[in-house]
Amino acid sequence: MAAAPPPKADELQPHPPKEQLPGVSFCITSPPPWPEAVILGFQHFIVMLGTTVIIPSALVPQMGGGNEEKARVIQTLLFVAGINTLLQTFFGSCLPVVMGGSYTFVAPTISIILAGRYNDEADPRQKFLRTMRGTQGALIIASTIQIILGFSGLWRNVVRLLSPLSAVPLVSLVGFGLYELGFPAVAKCVEVGLPELILMVAFSQYLPHVVHSGKNLFGRFAVLFTVSIVWLYAYILTISGAYKNARPKTQVHCRVDRSGLIAGAEWISVPYPFQWGAPTFDAGEAFAMMMTSFIALVESTGAFIAASRYASATMIPPSIVSRGVGWQGIGILLDSFFGTANGTSVSVENVGLLAVTHVGSRRVVQISAGFMIFFAVLGKFGALFASIPLPIFAGMYCVFFAYVGACGVSLLQFCNLNSFRTKFILGFAFFMGISVPQYFNEYAAVSGHGPVHTGARWFNDMINVPFSNKPFVAGLVAYFLDNTMHLHQSAVRKDRGYHWWDKFRSFKKDARSQEFYSLPFNLNKFFPSV
């Protein structure tokens, strides 16, 4: 076959790859002015409330708790999320990431709730306390896997073999894999969720280019504008009697007064360790929760990569990922001590908010942590914001999760897309990452249990939970294939983009790593990164 002629001077050329994302207004180390930073921090607080409310609202009633217990668990989860966010941004990855509740931990928690030893408890309050203590015990054990893998550096050795090609399916499905929390949740109250989605797109993508005087204003504060408008609209619908004769489920999703949080919350309440009593331990539940903790570790690795990109930093070095994972393990340990009924991971929606605002400042996220702690202590005020109808959050998720998924796709700029090896790994990992969890989830929906169904519930969870997780399956397939297929061929290293991240595999190889990821207070002297 004849070679292609050399390009002419005026011929279009592909866009060159960029190690740092251009167009970001404020990167990790360049904070906005204080007034703007405070408002942006409040936005991050509002965004993370969705997960903070959804998870306890789903779990606490099954545990036997009422509105008072639900409000208290939400306050506790919010309080610990603030502490974990500060620890992660100061001493962990140093990225502008919010550490909050994780949907990954819901399945093993439900398994604990359904455990036979709690069925004989007639008093709902006592059942709630016993179940919460069992969850705390499982989380204490589960936290050790991330602490050990992170601080020992073992996870660093795994991440060093990650190339842009194998990172694409992982990061993409960290965002795209949460599609069931997007429009399906919007449709639970379409007259509230759909306006939020439309306004979010309009304010973040169109108005900044139409109204030039408010270019930064509309794009940067789209969450506050849209949530305020739609929340007021939902309030008007509620007081006007629009849902007076609606079905109970519709009223729960659409009305602004059906969460029960404001009535159940105390005016001032400071969560404290072991507030529900001493943890109890079960070996099987601990094993299942440990597997879940490992899945959350993999997901957070993808979220760390996306956050580093949207903060206009260089690729996060493996040692920093490992350090961040270690502190995430500390976060899960704090969850278990305080009793949140859930584990901690990187909040994917807040990573998407970095993209919407074009602000990747670490200080902004640290301010948001202050809001979390403040409103967790002032229970009634925190419950007011937490009572925002969940379809409003779902409308925002459609934008935030899409941005995170697109970040994964953008890593293809470092790969050779004309290689059949690249096409196979990429396509097969994406397909299996969607298809395998779909099988496991459909099986569970029809049969009431996963494909693996033995007499040991903990063993079932250890197999069913990871293979129901899209980023875990896609990342595992891509990582294995990319590190085993045709590595003897000289072109493969460049095809997979491995050479682009060479300088970031060691902390000291690139001077920018020191700028973005070094510890405060000169602590790098005592805790050096490698």
Protein backbone atom coordinates (compact mmCIF):
# COMPACT_ATOMS: atom_id res chain seq x y z
CA MET A 1 0.00 0.00 0.00
CA ALA A 2 1.37 3.42 -0.97
CA ALA A 3 2.31 5.79 1.85
CA ALA A 4 0.15 8.84 2.40
CA PRO A 5 1.59 12.09 1.02
CA PRO A 6 3.03 14.58 3.53
CA PRO A 7 0.44 17.09 4.81
CA LYS A 8 0.27 20.51 3.22
CA ALA A 9 0.98 23.58 5.28
CA ASP A 10 -2.69 24.60 5.46
CA GLU A 11 -4.01 21.06 5.99
CA LEU A 12 -5.89 20.37 9.24
CA GLN A 13 -3.90 18.56 11.90
CA PRO A 14 -5.16 16.58 14.92
CA HIS A 15 -5.34 18.41 18.25
CA PRO A 16 -2.14 17.78 20.22
CA PRO A 17 -2.41 15.90 23.55
CA LYS A 18 -2.30 18.04 26.71
CA GLU A 19 -0.78 16.80 29.95
CA GLN A 20 -2.78 19.45 31.81
CA LEU A 21 -6.34 20.40 30.89
CA PRO A 22 -6.48 23.95 29.48
CA GLY A 23 -9.35 26.34 30.14
CA VAL A 24 -9.51 25.84 33.92
CA SER A 25 -9.91 29.19 35.69
CA PHE A 26 -8.44 28.19 39.07
CA CYS A 27 -6.28 25.08 39.51
CA ILE A 28 -5.44 23.27 42.75
CA THR A 29 -3.03 25.85 44.12
CA SER A 30 -4.68 29.04 42.76
CA PRO A 31 -7.80 29.76 44.84
CA PRO A 32 -10.45 32.28 43.78
CA PRO A 33 -11.04 35.43 45.88
CA TRP A 34 -12.45 34.59 49.30
CA PRO A 35 -16.08 35.69 48.70
CA GLU A 36 -16.25 33.66 45.50
CA ALA A 37 -14.49 30.71 47.14
CA VAL A 38 -17.06 30.64 49.97
CA ILE A 39 -19.98 30.58 47.52
CA LEU A 40 -18.32 27.89 45.42
CA GLY A 41 -17.69 25.87 48.58
CA PHE A 42 -21.37 26.14 49.47
CA GLN A 43 -22.20 24.77 46.01
CA HIS A 44 -20.07 21.69 46.67
CA PHE A 45 -21.94 21.25 49.96
CA ILE A 46 -25.32 21.39 48.19
CA VAL A 47 -24.22 18.88 45.54
CA MET A 48 -22.93 16.29 48.02
CA LEU A 49 -26.20 16.43 49.98
CA GLY A 50 -27.91 14.21 47.40
CA THR A 51 -25.90 11.10 48.22
CA THR A 52 -25.84 12.01 51.91
CA VAL A 53 -29.65 11.96 52.02
CA ILE A 54 -30.42 9.16 49.56
CA ILE A 55 -28.36 6.45 51.27
CA PRO A 56 -29.66 6.83 54.86
CA SER A 57 -33.19 7.39 53.52
CA ALA A 58 -32.98 3.98 51.85
CA LEU A 59 -31.21 2.12 54.67
CA VAL A 60 -32.50 3.49 57.99
CA PRO A 61 -36.19 2.48 57.52
CA GLN A 62 -35.06 -1.06 56.66
CA MET A 63 -32.96 -1.09 59.82
CA GLY A 64 -36.03 -0.24 61.91
CA GLY A 65 -35.32 3.47 62.39
CA GLY A 66 -37.80 6.33 62.08
CA ASN A 67 -37.43 9.96 61.03
CA GLU A 68 -35.44 10.84 64.14
CA GLU A 69 -32.87 8.10 63.50
CA LYS A 70 -32.76 8.96 59.80
CA ALA A 71 -32.06 12.64 60.52
CA ARG A 72 -29.36 11.72 63.02
CA VAL A 73 -27.64 9.31 60.63
CA ILE A 74 -27.68 11.98 57.90
CA GLN A 75 -26.17 14.49 60.34
CA THR A 76 -23.49 11.96 61.30
CA LEU A 77 -22.69 11.12 57.68
CA LEU A 78 -22.44 14.84 56.88
CA PHE A 79 -20.21 15.51 59.90
CA VAL A 80 -17.80 12.66 59.13
CA ALA A 81 -17.76 13.60 55.41
CA GLY A 82 -16.51 17.06 56.39
CA ILE A 83 -13.72 15.60 58.52
CA ASN A 84 -12.73 13.08 55.83
CA THR A 85 -12.70 15.77 53.13
CA LEU A 86 -10.33 17.91 55.19
CA LEU A 87 -8.05 14.92 55.87
CA GLN A 88 -8.00 13.95 52.18
CA THR A 89 -7.30 17.46 50.86
CA PHE A 90 -4.61 18.23 53.45
CA PHE A 91 -2.84 14.90 53.94
CA GLY A 92 -4.21 12.42 51.36
CA SER A 93 -4.22 12.95 47.62
CA CYS A 94 -4.29 16.76 48.13
CA LEU A 95 -6.80 16.89 45.25
CA PRO A 96 -10.00 18.99 45.46
CA VAL A 97 -12.21 15.96 46.12
CA VAL A 98 -15.18 15.66 48.46
CA MET A 99 -15.21 12.44 50.48
CA GLY A 100 -18.78 11.30 51.11
CA GLY A 101 -21.11 8.34 51.27
CA SER A 102 -20.76 5.58 48.68
CA TYR A 103 -23.51 3.63 46.91
CA THR A 104 -21.07 0.71 46.67
CA PHE A 105 -21.53 -0.05 50.38
CA VAL A 106 -25.33 -0.20 50.17
CA ALA A 107 -25.58 -3.86 49.03
CA PRO A 108 -23.51 -5.43 51.85
CA THR A 109 -25.26 -3.16 54.37
CA ILE A 110 -28.63 -4.46 53.19
CA SER A 111 -27.22 -7.97 53.55
CA ILE A 112 -26.41 -7.19 57.19
CA ILE A 113 -29.92 -5.78 57.68
CA LEU A 114 -31.43 -9.04 56.36
CA ALA A 115 -29.21 -11.22 58.56
CA GLY A 116 -31.22 -13.79 60.51
CA ARG A 117 -29.93 -12.78 63.94
CA TYR A 118 -31.82 -9.46 63.75
CA ASN A 119 -35.18 -10.92 62.73
CA ASP A 120 -36.14 -11.90 66.28
CA GLU A 121 -36.03 -8.30 67.51
CA ALA A 122 -39.60 -7.01 67.92
CA ASP A 123 -38.72 -3.46 68.99
CA PRO A 124 -37.85 -1.39 65.86
CA ARG A 125 -35.56 0.93 67.83
CA GLN A 126 -33.57 -2.00 69.25
CA LYS A 127 -33.40 -3.63 65.84
CA PHE A 128 -32.00 -0.38 64.42
CA LEU A 129 -29.33 -0.19 67.13
CA ARG A 130 -28.30 -3.83 66.77
CA THR A 131 -28.11 -3.56 62.98
CA MET A 132 -26.12 -0.32 63.17
CA ARG A 133 -23.61 -1.94 65.56
CA GLY A 134 -23.22 -4.89 63.20
CA THR A 135 -22.56 -2.49 60.32
CA GLN A 136 -20.00 -0.62 62.40
CA GLY A 137 -18.11 -3.82 63.17
CA ALA A 138 -17.99 -4.84 59.50
CA LEU A 139 -16.76 -1.38 58.46
CA ILE A 140 -13.99 -1.42 61.09
CA ILE A 141 -12.59 -4.62 59.56
CA ALA A 142 -13.20 -3.41 55.99
CA SER A 143 -11.24 -0.21 56.55
CA THR A 144 -8.04 -2.18 57.14
CA ILE A 145 -7.75 -3.32 53.51
CA GLN A 146 -7.51 0.25 52.22
CA ILE A 147 -5.25 1.37 55.07
CA ILE A 148 -2.85 -1.53 54.43
CA LEU A 149 -2.89 -1.32 50.61
CA GLY A 150 -2.58 2.47 50.70
CA PHE A 151 0.04 3.18 53.34
CA SER A 152 2.17 0.11 52.58
CA GLY A 153 2.55 1.24 48.97
CA LEU A 154 1.11 -1.98 47.53
CA TRP A 155 -1.57 -0.07 45.63
CA ARG A 156 1.14 2.22 44.26
CA ASN A 157 2.70 -0.80 42.52
CA VAL A 158 -0.65 -1.68 40.95
CA VAL A 159 -1.30 1.85 39.68
CA ARG A 160 2.18 2.07 38.14
CA LEU A 161 1.08 -0.47 35.52
CA LEU A 162 -1.93 1.65 34.59
CA SER A 163 -1.73 3.23 31.14
CA PRO A 164 -4.04 5.82 29.57
CA LEU A 165 -5.66 2.98 27.60
CA SER A 166 -6.52 0.86 30.64
CA ALA A 167 -7.60 3.97 32.57
CA VAL A 168 -10.21 4.94 29.94
CA PRO A 169 -12.85 2.26 30.75
CA LEU A 170 -12.27 2.64 34.49
CA VAL A 171 -12.67 6.43 34.63
CA SER A 172 -15.44 6.50 32.02
CA LEU A 173 -17.66 4.01 33.85
CA VAL A 174 -17.04 5.70 37.20
CA GLY A 175 -19.20 8.41 35.63
CA PHE A 176 -21.31 6.72 32.93
CA GLY A 177 -21.88 3.66 35.14
CA LEU A 178 -24.10 5.71 37.47
CA TYR A 179 -26.70 6.31 34.76
CA GLU A 180 -29.46 4.73 36.86
CA LEU A 181 -29.11 7.64 39.30
CA GLY A 182 -29.66 10.13 36.46
CA PHE A 183 -32.76 10.25 34.28
CA PRO A 184 -34.53 7.25 35.91
CA ALA A 185 -34.45 9.26 39.16
CA VAL A 186 -35.46 12.44 37.30
CA ALA A 187 -38.53 10.61 35.99
CA LYS A 188 -39.72 9.80 39.52
CA CYS A 189 -40.98 13.39 39.55
CA VAL A 190 -40.51 14.61 36.00
CA GLU A 191 -42.19 18.00 36.56
CA VAL A 192 -39.44 18.83 39.09
CA GLY A 193 -36.44 16.86 37.82
CA LEU A 194 -36.71 17.74 34.13
CA PRO A 195 -36.76 21.55 34.69
CA GLU A 196 -33.62 21.17 36.83
CA LEU A 197 -31.88 19.20 34.07
CA ILE A 198 -32.86 21.70 31.35
CA LEU A 199 -31.93 24.73 33.43
CA MET A 200 -28.62 23.15 34.47
CA VAL A 201 -27.63 22.67 30.83
CA ALA A 202 -28.82 26.17 29.92
CA PHE A 203 -27.04 27.95 32.78
CA SER A 204 -23.76 26.01 32.55
CA GLN A 205 -23.41 25.65 28.76
CA TYR A 206 -25.45 28.30 26.95
CA LEU A 207 -25.88 31.44 29.07
CA PRO A 208 -22.13 32.02 29.61
CA HIS A 209 -21.78 32.37 25.82
CA VAL A 210 -24.95 34.40 25.30
CA VAL A 211 -24.82 36.89 28.19
CA HIS A 212 -21.23 38.09 28.02
CA SER A 213 -21.46 40.38 31.07
CA GLY A 214 -22.30 37.41 33.29
CA LYS A 215 -20.12 34.81 31.60
CA ASN A 216 -18.41 33.60 34.78
CA LEU A 217 -21.46 34.25 36.95
CA PHE A 218 -23.89 31.87 35.21
CA GLY A 219 -21.43 29.09 34.50
CA ARG A 220 -19.68 29.15 37.85
CA PHE A 221 -22.81 29.35 40.02
CA ALA A 222 -25.20 27.30 37.89
CA VAL A 223 -26.02 24.98 40.79
CA LEU A 224 -27.17 27.78 43.10
CA PHE A 225 -29.25 29.44 40.39
CA THR A 226 -30.99 26.31 39.17
CA VAL A 227 -31.58 24.66 42.56
CA SER A 228 -33.05 27.88 43.96
CA ILE A 229 -35.43 28.27 41.02
CA VAL A 230 -36.61 24.66 40.88
CA TRP A 231 -36.80 24.25 44.67
CA LEU A 232 -39.05 27.33 44.84
CA TYR A 233 -41.12 25.91 41.98
CA ALA A 234 -41.47 22.59 43.84
CA TYR A 235 -42.50 24.49 46.98
CA ILE A 236 -45.22 26.35 45.06
CA LEU A 237 -46.50 23.05 43.64
CA THR A 238 -46.57 21.59 47.14
CA ILE A 239 -48.48 24.40 48.89
CA SER A 240 -50.89 24.81 45.97
CA GLY A 241 -52.13 21.26 46.50
CA ALA A 242 -50.82 19.84 43.23
CA TYR A 243 -50.00 16.53 44.94
CA LYS A 244 -52.95 16.41 47.30
CA ASN A 245 -54.40 13.25 45.77
CA ALA A 246 -51.20 11.85 44.29
CA ARG A 247 -49.81 8.40 45.11
CA PRO A 248 -47.64 8.14 48.25
CA LYS A 249 -44.47 7.50 46.19
CA THR A 250 -45.14 10.56 44.03
CA GLN A 251 -45.63 12.71 47.11
CA VAL A 252 -42.36 11.48 48.64
CA HIS A 253 -40.39 12.38 45.51
CA CYS A 254 -42.14 15.62 44.56
CA ARG A 255 -43.21 17.38 47.75
CA VAL A 256 -40.77 19.49 49.75
CA ASP A 257 -42.34 18.55 53.09
CA ARG A 258 -42.30 14.73 53.04
CA SER A 259 -38.70 13.91 53.91
CA GLY A 260 -39.39 14.04 57.67
CA LEU A 261 -35.88 15.42 58.22
CA ILE A 262 -36.69 18.84 59.63
CA ALA A 263 -39.09 17.45 62.24
CA GLY A 264 -36.71 14.61 63.13
CA ALA A 265 -33.54 16.71 63.44
CA GLU A 266 -32.38 18.36 66.64
CA TRP A 267 -31.49 22.05 66.73
CA ILE A 268 -27.93 21.40 67.86
CA SER A 269 -26.34 17.96 67.88
CA VAL A 270 -22.67 16.97 67.81
CA PRO A 271 -22.12 13.39 66.57
CA TYR A 272 -19.65 11.40 68.64
CA PRO A 273 -17.94 7.99 68.35
CA PHE A 274 -19.96 4.91 69.30
CA GLN A 275 -23.12 6.97 69.80
CA TRP A 276 -25.17 3.85 68.92
CA GLY A 277 -23.28 1.57 71.28
CA ALA A 278 -20.32 -0.83 71.02
CA PRO A 279 -19.79 -2.44 67.57
CA THR A 280 -20.50 -6.13 67.07
CA PHE A 281 -18.53 -8.38 64.75
CA ASP A 282 -19.40 -11.20 62.36
CA ALA A 283 -16.67 -12.81 60.28
CA GLY A 284 -18.81 -13.40 57.18
CA GLU A 285 -20.15 -9.85 57.09
CA ALA A 286 -16.64 -8.50 57.56
CA PHE A 287 -15.33 -10.48 54.55
CA ALA A 288 -18.16 -9.21 52.35
CA MET A 289 -17.57 -5.62 53.46
CA MET A 290 -13.83 -5.98 52.82
CA MET A 291 -14.53 -6.93 49.21
CA THR A 292 -16.81 -3.91 48.93
CA SER A 293 -14.06 -1.73 50.37
CA PHE A 294 -11.71 -2.96 47.66
CA ILE A 295 -14.27 -2.08 44.97
CA ALA A 296 -14.62 1.42 46.44
CA LEU A 297 -10.82 1.70 46.31
CA VAL A 298 -10.84 0.95 42.56
CA GLU A 299 -13.66 3.43 41.94
CA SER A 300 -11.88 6.16 43.88
CA THR A 301 -8.70 5.57 41.88
CA GLY A 302 -10.66 6.42 38.72
CA ALA A 303 -12.23 9.44 40.45
CA PHE A 304 -8.78 10.67 41.57
CA ILE A 305 -7.59 10.59 37.95
CA ALA A 306 -10.66 12.56 36.81
CA ALA A 307 -10.24 15.11 39.62
CA SER A 308 -6.57 15.65 38.77
CA ARG A 309 -7.59 16.31 35.17
CA TYR A 310 -10.39 18.77 35.98
CA ALA A 311 -8.17 20.57 38.49
CA SER A 312 -5.68 21.18 35.65
CA ALA A 313 -3.01 19.20 37.47
CA THR A 314 -0.63 16.69 35.96
CA MET A 315 -1.40 12.98 36.13
CA ILE A 316 -1.55 11.97 39.80
CA PRO A 317 1.57 9.91 40.68
CA PRO A 318 0.94 6.33 41.88
CA SER A 319 2.41 7.07 45.31
CA ILE A 320 -0.11 9.91 45.78
CA VAL A 321 -2.99 7.64 44.72
CA SER A 322 -1.77 5.13 47.30
CA ARG A 323 -1.56 7.83 49.96
CA GLY A 324 -5.08 8.99 49.12
CA VAL A 325 -6.39 5.43 49.35
CA GLY A 326 -4.76 5.05 52.79
CA TRP A 327 -6.53 8.16 54.05
CA GLN A 328 -9.77 6.96 52.50
CA GLY A 329 -9.33 3.85 54.65
CA ILE A 330 -8.96 6.12 57.68
CA GLY A 331 -12.21 7.76 56.55
CA ILE A 332 -14.03 4.40 56.52
CA LEU A 333 -12.66 3.75 60.01
CA LEU A 334 -14.14 7.07 61.16
CA ASP A 335 -17.44 6.10 59.51
CA SER A 336 -17.45 2.93 61.57
CA PHE A 337 -16.64 4.74 64.82
CA PHE A 338 -19.35 7.37 64.39
CA GLY A 339 -21.92 5.01 62.89
CA THR A 340 -22.91 6.26 59.44
CA ALA A 341 -24.14 2.86 58.15
CA ASN A 342 -22.01 3.54 55.08
CA GLY A 343 -18.43 3.75 53.88
CA THR A 344 -16.52 6.63 52.32
CA SER A 345 -15.31 7.15 48.76
CA VAL A 346 -14.68 10.07 46.41
CA SER A 347 -17.91 11.89 45.57
CA VAL A 348 -18.21 11.51 41.78
CA GLU A 349 -20.81 14.28 41.46
CA ASN A 350 -18.46 16.79 43.08
CA VAL A 351 -15.73 15.85 40.61
CA GLY A 352 -18.24 16.68 37.87
CA LEU A 353 -18.90 20.04 39.55
CA LEU A 354 -15.21 20.89 39.11
CA ALA A 355 -15.79 20.60 35.37
CA VAL A 356 -18.99 22.67 35.40
CA THR A 357 -17.42 25.57 37.31
CA HIS A 358 -13.94 25.32 35.73
CA VAL A 359 -12.64 25.75 39.30
CA GLY A 360 -10.37 23.02 40.67
CA SER A 361 -9.19 24.88 43.75
CA ARG A 362 -8.36 22.83 46.84
CA ARG A 363 -9.38 25.71 49.10
CA VAL A 364 -12.92 25.72 47.71
CA VAL A 365 -13.43 22.06 48.65
CA GLN A 366 -11.94 22.65 52.10
CA ILE A 367 -14.46 25.45 52.62
CA SER A 368 -17.22 23.05 51.59
CA ALA A 369 -16.01 20.68 54.34
CA GLY A 370 -16.52 23.51 56.81
CA PHE A 371 -20.12 23.85 55.63
CA MET A 372 -20.64 20.10 56.08
CA ILE A 373 -19.48 20.17 59.69
CA PHE A 374 -21.35 23.41 60.46
CA PHE A 375 -24.72 22.23 59.12
CA ALA A 376 -24.26 18.77 60.65
CA VAL A 377 -24.04 20.36 64.10
CA LEU A 378 -26.92 22.79 63.45
CA GLY A 379 -29.32 19.97 62.67
CA LYS A 380 -32.47 21.91 61.75
CA PHE A 381 -30.67 24.15 59.26
CA GLY A 382 -28.84 21.21 57.68
CA ALA A 383 -32.12 19.29 57.44
CA LEU A 384 -33.68 22.23 55.59
CA PHE A 385 -31.18 21.90 52.73
CA ALA A 386 -31.30 18.11 52.92
CA SER A 387 -35.06 18.24 52.24
CA ILE A 388 -34.51 19.33 48.63
CA PRO A 389 -36.50 16.84 46.47
CA LEU A 390 -34.19 14.12 45.20
CA PRO A 391 -35.20 14.48 41.50
CA ILE A 392 -33.54 17.91 41.63
CA PHE A 393 -30.26 16.24 42.54
CA ALA A 394 -30.85 13.65 39.79
CA GLY A 395 -31.19 16.45 37.23
CA MET A 396 -27.77 17.76 38.25
CA TYR A 397 -26.28 14.26 38.25
CA CYS A 398 -27.07 13.93 34.53
CA VAL A 399 -24.54 16.72 33.90
CA PHE A 400 -21.96 15.86 36.57
CA PHE A 401 -21.70 12.13 35.85
CA ALA A 402 -21.52 12.86 32.11
CA TYR A 403 -18.52 15.14 32.67
CA VAL A 404 -16.69 12.47 34.70
CA GLY A 405 -17.39 9.83 32.04
CA ALA A 406 -16.18 12.19 29.32
CA CYS A 407 -12.95 12.74 31.25
CA GLY A 408 -12.21 9.04 30.87
CA VAL A 409 -12.90 9.16 27.14
CA SER A 410 -10.59 12.18 26.81
CA LEU A 411 -7.61 10.06 27.91
CA LEU A 412 -7.77 8.44 24.48
CA GLN A 413 -5.85 11.47 23.19
CA PHE A 414 -2.71 9.69 24.45
CA CYS A 415 -3.47 6.40 22.64
CA ASN A 416 -3.22 5.16 19.06
CA LEU A 417 -6.84 4.70 18.00
CA ASN A 418 -5.80 3.18 14.68
CA SER A 419 -4.39 0.11 16.45
CA PHE A 420 -6.52 -3.06 16.41
CA ARG A 421 -5.10 -3.93 19.84
CA THR A 422 -6.36 -0.60 21.21
CA LYS A 423 -9.77 -1.09 19.62
CA PHE A 424 -10.19 -4.58 21.05
CA ILE A 425 -9.14 -3.72 24.61
CA LEU A 426 -11.23 -0.58 24.62
CA GLY A 427 -14.35 -2.12 23.12
CA PHE A 428 -14.17 -5.40 25.04
CA ALA A 429 -13.59 -3.70 28.40
CA PHE A 430 -16.49 -1.28 27.85
CA PHE A 431 -18.81 -4.04 26.67
CA MET A 432 -18.01 -6.42 29.53
CA GLY A 433 -18.13 -3.56 32.03
CA ILE A 434 -21.73 -2.92 31.02
CA SER A 435 -22.86 -6.45 30.09
CA VAL A 436 -21.62 -8.47 33.10
CA PRO A 437 -23.16 -6.16 35.76
CA GLN A 438 -26.36 -6.06 33.70
CA TYR A 439 -26.59 -9.85 33.92
CA PHE A 440 -25.96 -9.86 37.67
CA ASN A 441 -28.45 -7.05 38.31
CA GLU A 442 -31.17 -8.57 36.09
CA TYR A 443 -30.73 -11.93 37.77
CA ALA A 444 -31.11 -10.32 41.20
CA ALA A 445 -34.20 -8.36 40.08
CA VAL A 446 -35.95 -11.52 38.86
CA SER A 447 -34.81 -14.04 41.48
CA GLY A 448 -34.34 -11.82 44.52
CA HIS A 449 -30.71 -12.90 44.80
CA GLY A 450 -27.57 -12.88 42.66
CA PRO A 451 -26.37 -15.70 40.36
CA VAL A 452 -24.11 -16.94 43.18
CA HIS A 453 -26.58 -18.18 45.76
CA THR A 454 -25.14 -20.46 48.43
CA GLY A 455 -26.06 -20.90 52.07
CA ALA A 456 -23.38 -18.38 53.05
CA ARG A 457 -24.73 -14.87 52.44
CA TRP A 458 -21.26 -13.35 52.96
CA PHE A 459 -19.75 -15.52 50.20
CA ASN A 460 -22.58 -14.59 47.85
CA ASP A 461 -21.88 -10.90 48.46
CA MET A 462 -18.15 -11.37 47.87
CA ILE A 463 -18.89 -12.58 44.32
CA ASN A 464 -22.13 -10.83 43.38
CA VAL A 465 -21.23 -7.32 44.58
CA PRO A 466 -17.96 -6.84 42.61
CA PHE A 467 -19.37 -8.28 39.38
CA SER A 468 -22.39 -5.99 39.68
CA ASN A 469 -20.08 -2.97 39.67
CA LYS A 470 -19.44 -1.48 36.22
CA PRO A 471 -16.15 0.41 36.76
CA PHE A 472 -14.67 -2.54 38.64
CA VAL A 473 -15.43 -5.04 35.85
CA ALA A 474 -14.36 -2.68 33.06
CA GLY A 475 -11.19 -1.63 34.87
CA LEU A 476 -10.26 -5.23 35.70
CA VAL A 477 -10.72 -6.40 32.10
CA ALA A 478 -8.84 -3.45 30.59
CA TYR A 479 -6.00 -3.65 33.14
CA PHE A 480 -5.49 -7.40 32.59
CA LEU A 481 -5.60 -7.24 28.79
CA ASP A 482 -3.43 -4.13 28.54
CA ASN A 483 -0.70 -5.68 30.68
CA THR A 484 -0.70 -9.10 29.00
CA MET A 485 -1.44 -8.63 25.26
CA HIS A 486 1.45 -8.39 22.77
CA LEU A 487 3.80 -6.52 25.11
CA HIS A 488 6.80 -7.88 23.19
CA GLN A 489 5.92 -5.67 20.20
CA SER A 490 7.85 -2.40 20.18
CA ALA A 491 4.90 -0.24 19.06
CA VAL A 492 2.60 -1.36 21.87
CA ARG A 493 4.13 0.94 24.47
CA LYS A 494 3.25 4.01 22.41
CA ASP A 495 -0.07 2.63 21.23
CA ARG A 496 -1.31 2.30 24.80
CA GLY A 497 0.01 5.76 25.73
CA TYR A 498 2.22 4.35 28.49
CA HIS A 499 5.10 6.68 27.63
CA TRP A 500 2.96 9.79 28.23
CA TRP A 501 2.67 9.01 31.93
CA ASP A 502 6.29 7.85 32.44
CA LYS A 503 7.40 11.11 34.02
CA PHE A 504 4.56 10.97 36.56
CA ARG A 505 5.15 7.38 37.76
CA SER A 506 7.66 8.73 40.25
CA PHE A 507 6.87 11.77 42.39
CA LYS A 508 10.26 13.40 41.85
CA LYS A 509 10.51 12.97 38.07
CA ASP A 510 8.38 16.04 37.30
CA ALA A 511 8.67 19.31 39.25
CA ARG A 512 4.95 19.97 38.89
CA SER A 513 4.15 17.02 41.16
CA GLN A 514 5.75 18.92 44.04
CA GLU A 515 3.54 21.92 43.30
CA PHE A 516 0.27 19.99 43.14
CA TYR A 517 0.64 17.05 45.51
CA SER A 518 3.15 17.94 48.24
CA LEU A 519 1.99 17.79 51.86
CA PRO A 520 1.45 20.99 53.87
CA PHE A 521 3.62 22.21 56.76
CA ASN A 522 6.74 20.76 55.09
CA LEU A 523 5.57 17.25 56.01
CA ASN A 524 7.12 15.79 52.84
CA LYS A 525 10.43 15.75 54.72
CA PHE A 526 8.97 13.24 57.18
CA PHE A 527 6.60 11.42 54.82
CA PRO A 528 8.34 11.48 51.41
CA SER A 529 6.51 10.39 48.27
CA VAL A 530 8.29 8.11 45.81
